[in-house]
C-alpha atoms as a PDB file:
ATOM      1  CA  MET A   1     236.268 126.636 135.713  1.00  0.00           C
ATOM      2  CA  VAL A   2     237.543 123.650 133.757  1.00  0.00           C
ATOM      3  CA  LEU A   3     236.655 121.322 136.641  1.00  0.00           C
ATOM      4  CA  ALA A   4     233.091 122.699 136.761  1.00  0.00           C
ATOM      5  CA  LEU A   5     232.658 122.130 133.017  1.00  0.00           C
ATOM      6  CA  TRP A   6     234.072 118.632 133.314  1.00  0.00           C
ATOM      7  CA  VAL A   7     231.760 117.737 136.218  1.00  0.00           C
ATOM      8  CA  GLY A   8     228.756 119.259 134.393  1.00  0.00           C
ATOM      9  CA  GLY A   9     229.578 117.262 131.264  1.00  0.00           C
ATOM     10  CA  LEU A  10     229.922 114.085 133.322  1.00  0.00           C
ATOM     11  CA  VAL A  11     226.498 114.664 134.920  1.00  0.00           C
ATOM     12  CA  VAL A  12     224.907 115.162 131.485  1.00  0.00           C
ATOM     13  CA  VAL A  13     226.507 111.948 130.196  1.00  0.00           C
ATOM     14  CA  LEU A  14     225.353 109.970 133.262  1.00  0.00           C
ATOM     15  CA  VAL A  15     221.778 111.229 132.881  1.00  0.00           C
ATOM     16  CA  ALA A  16     221.816 110.331 129.174  1.00  0.00           C
ATOM     17  CA  VAL A  17     223.139 106.825 129.926  1.00  0.00           C
ATOM     18  CA  GLY A  18     220.498 106.347 132.633  1.00  0.00           C
ATOM     19  CA  LEU A  19     217.691 107.328 130.246  1.00  0.00           C
ATOM     20  CA  PHE A  20     219.116 105.070 127.547  1.00  0.00           C
ATOM     21  CA  VAL A  21     219.176 102.098 129.956  1.00  0.00           C
ATOM     22  CA  PHE A  22     215.508 102.757 130.921  1.00  0.00           C
ATOM     23  CA  GLY A  23     214.543 102.692 127.244  1.00  0.00           C
ATOM     24  CA  LEU A  24     216.644  99.611 126.513  1.00  0.00           C
ATOM     25  CA  ARG A  25     215.136  97.737 129.465  1.00  0.00           C
ATOM     26  CA  ARG A  26     211.608  98.559 128.287  1.00  0.00           C
ATOM     27  CA  ARG A  27     212.472  97.305 124.777  1.00  0.00           C
ATOM     28  CA  LEU A  28     213.871  94.059 126.179  1.00  0.00           C
ATOM     29  CA  ILE A  29     210.728  93.494 128.254  1.00  0.00           C
ATOM     30  CA  GLN A  30     208.490  94.134 125.225  1.00  0.00           C
ATOM     31  CA  ARG A  31     210.609  92.104 122.815  1.00  0.00           C
ATOM     32  CA  SER A  32     208.730  88.850 123.390  1.00  0.00           C
ATOM     33  CA  GLY A  33     205.347  90.564 122.937  1.00  0.00           C
ATOM     34  CA  GLY A  34     202.219  90.336 125.066  1.00  0.00           C
ATOM     35  CA  THR A  35     202.894  93.442 127.160  1.00  0.00           C
ATOM     36  CA  PHE A  36     200.550  96.146 128.410  1.00  0.00           C
ATOM     37  CA  ASP A  37     200.752  99.169 130.705  1.00  0.00           C
ATOM     38  CA  CYS A  38     199.470  98.204 134.126  1.00  0.00           C
ATOM     39  CA  SER A  39     199.641 100.039 137.452  1.00  0.00           C
ATOM     40  CA  LEU A  40     199.652  97.899 140.599  1.00  0.00           C
ATOM     41  CA  ARG A  41     198.654  98.463 144.199  1.00  0.00           C
ATOM     42  CA  TRP A  42     199.628  95.538 146.437  1.00  0.00           C
ATOM     43  CA  ASP A  43     198.048  94.445 149.750  1.00  0.00           C
ATOM     44  CA  VAL A  44     195.132  96.894 149.796  1.00  0.00           C
ATOM     45  CA  SER A  45     192.208  97.102 152.207  1.00  0.00           C
ATOM     46  CA  GLU A  46     188.737  95.918 151.258  1.00  0.00           C
ATOM     47  CA  GLU A  47     187.231  99.389 150.816  1.00  0.00           C
ATOM     48  CA  PRO A  48     188.522 101.530 147.933  1.00  0.00           C
ATOM     49  CA  ASP A  49     191.115 104.167 148.831  1.00  0.00           C
ATOM     50  CA  PRO A  50     190.541 107.180 146.549  1.00  0.00           C
ATOM     51  CA  SER A  51     193.659 108.968 147.840  1.00  0.00           C
ATOM     52  CA  GLY A  52     195.772 107.584 145.005  1.00  0.00           C
ATOM     53  CA  LYS A  53     198.519 106.405 147.366  1.00  0.00           C
ATOM     54  CA  GLY A  54     200.294 103.122 146.806  1.00  0.00           C
ATOM     55  CA  TRP A  55     199.963 102.931 143.024  1.00  0.00           C
ATOM     56  CA  VAL A  56     203.114 101.925 141.153  1.00  0.00           C
ATOM     57  CA  TYR A  57     203.310 102.378 137.393  1.00  0.00           C
ATOM     58  CA  GLY A  58     204.489  99.319 135.526  1.00  0.00           C
ATOM     59  CA  VAL A  59     204.405  97.040 132.519  1.00  0.00           C
ATOM     60  CA  ALA A  60     202.887  93.568 132.621  1.00  0.00           C
ATOM     61  CA  ARG A  61     203.878  90.737 130.298  1.00  0.00           C
ATOM     62  CA  TYR A  62     202.079  87.476 129.628  1.00  0.00           C
ATOM     63  CA  SER A  63     204.436  84.555 130.151  1.00  0.00           C
ATOM     64  CA  GLY A  64     202.675  81.201 129.774  1.00  0.00           C
ATOM     65  CA  ASP A  65     200.356  80.699 132.739  1.00  0.00           C
ATOM     66  CA  ARG A  66     201.516  83.790 134.581  1.00  0.00           C
ATOM     67  CA  VAL A  67     201.699  87.535 134.213  1.00  0.00           C
ATOM     68  CA  ASP A  68     205.036  89.088 135.097  1.00  0.00           C
ATOM     69  CA  TRP A  69     204.815  92.662 136.353  1.00  0.00           C
ATOM     70  CA  PHE A  70     207.797  95.030 136.020  1.00  0.00           C
ATOM     71  CA  ARG A  71     208.201  98.467 137.609  1.00  0.00           C
ATOM     72  CA  VAL A  72     208.780 101.102 134.960  1.00  0.00           C
ATOM     73  CA  PHE A  73     211.231 103.142 137.025  1.00  0.00           C
ATOM     74  CA  SER A  74     213.676 100.379 137.845  1.00  0.00           C
ATOM     75  CA  TYR A  75     216.859  98.993 136.353  1.00  0.00           C
ATOM     76  CA  SER A  76     216.116  95.405 137.393  1.00  0.00           C
ATOM     77  CA  PRO A  77     215.730  92.970 134.478  1.00  0.00           C
ATOM     78  CA  ARG A  78     213.546  90.710 136.640  1.00  0.00           C
ATOM     79  CA  PRO A  79     209.834  91.136 137.288  1.00  0.00           C
ATOM     80  CA  ARG A  80     208.832  92.632 140.619  1.00  0.00           C
ATOM     81  CA  ARG A  81     205.735  90.403 140.880  1.00  0.00           C
ATOM     82  CA  GLY A  82     204.551  87.223 139.212  1.00  0.00           C
ATOM     83  CA  LEU A  83     200.834  86.451 139.167  1.00  0.00           C
ATOM     84  CA  GLU A  84     199.863  82.862 138.344  1.00  0.00           C
ATOM     85  CA  ARG A  85     196.657  82.463 136.352  1.00  0.00           C
ATOM     86  CA  SER A  86     195.328  79.717 138.646  1.00  0.00           C
ATOM     87  CA  ALA A  87     195.823  81.880 141.767  1.00  0.00           C
ATOM     88  CA  ILE A  88     194.132  85.081 140.516  1.00  0.00           C
ATOM     89  CA  GLU A  89     190.537  85.709 141.544  1.00  0.00           C
ATOM     90  CA  VAL A  90     188.791  88.839 140.280  1.00  0.00           C
ATOM     91  CA  VAL A  91     186.547  90.303 142.995  1.00  0.00           C
ATOM     92  CA  ALA A  92     185.699  93.824 141.790  1.00  0.00           C
ATOM     93  CA  ARG A  93     185.845  96.203 138.864  1.00  0.00           C
ATOM     94  CA  ARG A  94     185.516  99.976 139.147  1.00  0.00           C
ATOM     95  CA  LEU A  95     186.575 103.313 137.718  1.00  0.00           C
ATOM     96  CA  PRO A  96     189.255 105.386 139.483  1.00  0.00           C
ATOM     97  CA  GLU A  97     187.900 107.719 142.158  1.00  0.00           C
ATOM     98  CA  GLY A  98     189.174 110.980 143.622  1.00  0.00           C
ATOM     99  CA  GLU A  99     192.919 111.489 143.439  1.00  0.00           C
ATOM    100  CA  GLU A 100     193.352 108.068 141.838  1.00  0.00           C
ATOM    101  CA  GLU A 101     192.411 109.691 138.545  1.00  0.00           C
ATOM    102  CA  LEU A 102     195.619 111.739 138.793  1.00  0.00           C
ATOM    103  CA  ALA A 103     197.790 108.801 139.906  1.00  0.00           C
ATOM    104  CA  LEU A 104     196.708 106.494 137.071  1.00  0.00           C
ATOM    105  CA  LEU A 105     196.842 106.702 133.302  1.00  0.00           C
ATOM    106  CA  SER A 106     193.797 108.254 131.664  1.00  0.00           C
ATOM    107  CA  ASP A 107     190.918 105.888 130.806  1.00  0.00           C
ATOM    108  CA  SER A 108     192.122 103.280 133.306  1.00  0.00           C
ATOM    109  CA  VAL A 109     189.851 100.687 134.852  1.00  0.00           C
ATOM    110  CA  VAL A 110     190.693  99.329 138.317  1.00  0.00           C
ATOM    111  CA  LEU A 111     190.391  95.586 138.793  1.00  0.00           C
ATOM    112  CA  GLY A 112     190.304  94.288 142.375  1.00  0.00           C
ATOM    113  CA  CYS A 113     191.835  90.834 142.713  1.00  0.00           C
ATOM    114  CA  LEU A 114     192.905  88.225 145.229  1.00  0.00           C
ATOM    115  CA  HIS A 115     196.197  86.427 144.641  1.00  0.00           C
ATOM    116  CA  ARG A 116     197.021  83.686 147.137  1.00  0.00           C
ATOM    117  CA  GLY A 117     195.058  85.516 149.854  1.00  0.00           C
ATOM    118  CA  THR A 118     196.588  88.945 149.155  1.00  0.00           C
ATOM    119  CA  ARG A 119     194.299  91.711 147.930  1.00  0.00           C
ATOM    120  CA  LEU A 120     195.686  93.732 145.055  1.00  0.00           C
ATOM    121  CA  GLU A 121     194.450  96.171 142.465  1.00  0.00           C
ATOM    122  CA  LEU A 122     195.477  96.398 138.832  1.00  0.00           C
ATOM    123  CA  ALA A 123     194.749  99.487 136.742  1.00  0.00           C
ATOM    124  CA  MET A 124     194.831  99.163 132.964  1.00  0.00           C
ATOM    125  CA  SER A 125     193.126 100.422 129.838  1.00  0.00           C
ATOM    126  CA  GLU A 126     189.795  98.966 128.726  1.00  0.00           C
ATOM    127  CA  ASP A 127     191.503  97.122 125.840  1.00  0.00           C
ATOM    128  CA  ALA A 128     194.144  95.627 128.130  1.00  0.00           C
ATOM    129  CA  LEU A 129     191.394  94.634 130.577  1.00  0.00           C
ATOM    130  CA  THR A 130     189.512  92.761 127.860  1.00  0.00           C
ATOM    131  CA  GLY A 131     192.678  90.847 126.965  1.00  0.00           C
ATOM    132  CA  PHE A 132     193.514  90.166 130.617  1.00  0.00           C
ATOM    133  CA  LEU A 133     190.055  88.788 131.402  1.00  0.00           C
ATOM    134  CA  ALA A 134     190.135  86.633 128.248  1.00  0.00           C
ATOM    135  CA  TRP A 135     193.543  85.318 129.295  1.00  0.00           C
ATOM    136  CA  LEU A 136     192.196  84.479 132.770  1.00  0.00           C
ATOM    137  CA  GLU A 137     189.264  82.542 131.326  1.00  0.00           C
ATOM    138  CA  ALA A 138     191.347  80.683 128.737  1.00  0.00           C
ATOM    139  CA  ALA A 139     192.394  77.133 129.492  1.00  0.00           C
ATOM    140  CA  PRO A 140     196.104  76.411 129.912  1.00  0.00           C
ATOM    141  CA  PRO A 141     197.739  74.714 126.925  1.00  0.00           C
ATOM    142  CA  GLY A 142     197.328  70.956 126.877  1.00  0.00           C
ATOM    143  CA  GLN A 143     194.171  70.834 128.979  1.00  0.00           C
ATOM    144  CA  ARG A 144     190.890  69.682 127.521  1.00  0.00           C
ATOM    145  CA  VAL A 145     188.001  72.045 128.150  1.00  0.00           C
ATOM    146  CA  ASN A 146     184.350  71.328 127.436  1.00  0.00           C
ATOM    147  CA  VAL A 147     183.104  74.384 125.582  1.00  0.00           C
ATOM    148  CA  ALA A 148     179.634  73.053 124.866  1.00  0.00           C
END
């Protein structure tokens, strides 16, 4: 009986520590600012797949001329993907279809992109999309751009 209570208490402590580490990791990612919720589907086909499969929930962070994408359910302090601004090409924009509506956050917009020849889809809120597109169109620091 004592062993069962001890093992049960140990399991509760391990779960609590695991949840604490998830929260701490998210805080460390957001500490520098410029983060937004962003689901990612990597290496997709050209026609939309409304099944909702392949989407991974994550957090993206602007970091100079790149966006670093982190999986939410991971303990890794490093980004899973890095998308360079100069290599991203937006090819489509659409609303989630079918079962995708259940796999993604509510009010998400799906942005189809090419990154170094790989097709990917990013799903984010309308506000995050506006910021992302503005970031894509902005000139890198130190470059002169003719705005006339």
